[in-house]
Amino acid sequence: MPSRQPVFIPITIYKGADYSEPFVFLNPDRVTPINLTSARFRMQIRASRLESAALLATLDSDTGGIVIDPLTGKYTFVMDKDVTSAIDYTDGWYDLFVVDSLTNHLPFQYGPVKVLQNATRFS
């Protein structure tokens, strides 16, 4: 996997809704996808950038919170409504690490998280 600087990407989550957001990792030509075969992903969302900040959610490719389509370079963050409902903050911070086939832990993506509060309730 090529070395690169982590990418800054803000994300928005709607509290109480299922969340799914796809991304594609491309070569520098911005056309050819990076092959993610053997890659594993892990992401944490915290209340702030501080390491001691409250942990709001953990997603990883081992448990299905991040779904990888290796040959297309696509990876998708996935949270069901029960997970998004449990987030009691309106702002947070996340980072995503990839573990490559050589077990290197590489920072991959990071940014602020905005959690929009829902007005609609389902019984």
Protein backbone atom coordinates (compact mmCIF):
# COMPACT_ATOMS: atom_id res chain seq x y z
CA MET A 1 0.00 0.00 0.00
CA PRO A 2 1.49 3.35 -0.98
CA SER A 3 2.50 5.73 1.75
CA ARG A 4 0.56 8.99 1.93
CA GLN A 5 -0.56 11.73 4.24
CA PRO A 6 -3.89 11.14 6.01
CA VAL A 7 -6.80 12.91 4.35
CA PHE A 8 -8.96 15.50 6.15
CA ILE A 9 -12.66 14.71 5.52
CA PRO A 10 -15.47 16.08 7.73
CA ILE A 11 -18.42 13.72 8.22
CA THR A 12 -22.03 14.30 9.31
CA ILE A 13 -24.14 11.71 11.11
CA TYR A 14 -27.89 12.02 11.63
CA LYS A 15 -28.77 10.87 15.17
CA GLY A 16 -31.29 8.00 15.17
CA ALA A 17 -30.78 7.17 11.49
CA ASP A 18 -28.85 4.41 9.80
CA TYR A 19 -25.55 5.82 8.55
CA SER A 20 -23.57 4.63 5.55
CA GLU A 21 -20.89 6.70 3.82
CA PRO A 22 -18.66 5.31 1.07
CA PHE A 23 -15.16 6.49 0.14
CA VAL A 24 -12.76 5.39 -2.60
CA PHE A 25 -8.97 5.26 -2.19
CA LEU A 26 -7.34 6.16 -5.52
CA ASN A 27 -3.79 6.19 -6.86
CA PRO A 28 -2.19 9.61 -7.43
CA ASP A 29 -3.63 9.57 -10.97
CA ARG A 30 -7.07 9.97 -9.26
CA VAL A 31 -8.51 7.30 -11.57
CA THR A 32 -7.06 3.92 -10.63
CA PRO A 33 -8.28 2.48 -7.32
CA ILE A 34 -5.80 1.21 -4.73
CA ASN A 35 -6.16 -2.51 -4.11
CA LEU A 36 -7.18 -2.94 -0.46
CA THR A 37 -6.80 -6.72 -0.37
CA SER A 38 -5.53 -7.78 3.09
CA ALA A 39 -6.08 -4.28 4.51
CA ARG A 40 -7.97 -3.82 7.77
CA PHE A 41 -9.53 -0.57 8.98
CA ARG A 42 -10.22 0.80 12.48
CA MET A 43 -11.87 4.09 13.34
CA GLN A 44 -12.86 5.79 16.57
CA ILE A 45 -15.14 8.77 17.10
CA ARG A 46 -14.47 10.81 20.24
CA ALA A 47 -16.05 13.89 21.79
CA SER A 48 -12.94 15.91 20.91
CA ARG A 49 -9.37 15.51 19.64
CA LEU A 50 -8.10 14.76 23.14
CA GLU A 51 -7.07 11.16 23.76
CA SER A 52 -8.95 11.28 27.08
CA ALA A 53 -12.20 12.49 25.42
CA ALA A 54 -15.30 10.30 25.68
CA LEU A 55 -15.37 7.47 23.15
CA LEU A 56 -18.57 7.79 21.11
CA ALA A 57 -18.19 4.90 18.64
CA THR A 58 -15.67 2.41 17.28
CA LEU A 59 -15.91 1.02 13.77
CA ASP A 60 -13.65 -1.58 12.20
CA SER A 61 -13.54 -3.88 9.24
CA ASP A 62 -13.33 -6.99 11.43
CA THR A 63 -16.85 -6.45 12.84
CA GLY A 64 -18.55 -4.90 9.79
CA GLY A 65 -18.54 -1.26 10.92
CA ILE A 66 -16.31 -0.56 7.93
CA VAL A 67 -17.05 -2.55 4.79
CA ILE A 68 -14.21 -2.94 2.29
CA ASP A 69 -14.53 -3.72 -1.42
CA PRO A 70 -10.81 -4.42 -1.94
CA LEU A 71 -10.51 -4.44 -5.73
CA THR A 72 -12.38 -1.16 -6.21
CA GLY A 73 -10.57 0.65 -3.37
CA LYS A 74 -13.95 1.36 -1.78
CA TYR A 75 -14.54 1.39 1.96
CA THR A 76 -17.81 2.34 3.66
CA PHE A 77 -18.50 3.48 7.22
CA VAL A 78 -21.65 1.78 8.55
CA MET A 79 -23.60 2.47 11.76
CA ASP A 80 -27.16 1.37 12.47
CA LYS A 81 -29.73 3.63 14.11
CA ASP A 82 -29.09 2.12 17.55
CA VAL A 83 -25.47 3.24 17.41
CA THR A 84 -26.23 6.74 16.10
CA SER A 85 -29.04 7.14 18.68
CA ALA A 86 -26.56 6.51 21.48
CA ILE A 87 -24.29 9.41 20.49
CA ASP A 88 -25.10 12.21 22.95
CA TYR A 89 -22.81 14.86 21.50
CA THR A 90 -23.34 17.27 18.62
CA ASP A 91 -19.66 17.53 17.69
CA GLY A 92 -16.75 15.14 17.76
CA TRP A 93 -13.57 14.05 16.08
CA TYR A 94 -12.58 10.85 14.29
CA ASP A 95 -9.57 9.23 12.79
CA LEU A 96 -9.23 6.14 10.66
CA PHE A 97 -6.22 3.84 10.57
CA VAL A 98 -5.42 1.13 8.07
CA VAL A 99 -3.45 -1.96 9.01
CA ASP A 100 -1.68 -3.16 5.89
CA SER A 101 -0.51 -6.67 4.99
CA LEU A 102 2.79 -6.01 6.82
CA THR A 103 0.81 -5.02 9.98
CA ASN A 104 1.85 -1.37 9.70
CA HIS A 105 -0.71 0.91 11.43
CA LEU A 106 -1.06 3.91 9.14
CA PRO A 107 -3.16 7.04 9.72
CA PHE A 108 -5.51 7.20 6.78
CA GLN A 109 -8.29 9.73 7.26
CA TYR A 110 -9.44 12.16 9.96
CA GLY A 111 -11.74 15.07 10.65
CA PRO A 112 -14.58 16.58 12.60
CA VAL A 113 -17.87 14.77 13.14
CA LYS A 114 -21.14 16.68 13.22
CA VAL A 115 -24.08 14.84 14.78
CA LEU A 116 -27.42 16.31 13.74
CA GLN A 117 -30.22 15.83 16.27
CA ASN A 118 -33.40 14.26 14.91
CA ALA A 119 -36.83 15.80 15.33
CA THR A 120 -38.81 12.81 14.09
CA ARG A 121 -39.47 9.99 16.57
CA PHE A 122 -40.50 6.42 15.76
CA SER A 123 -42.42 4.33 18.26
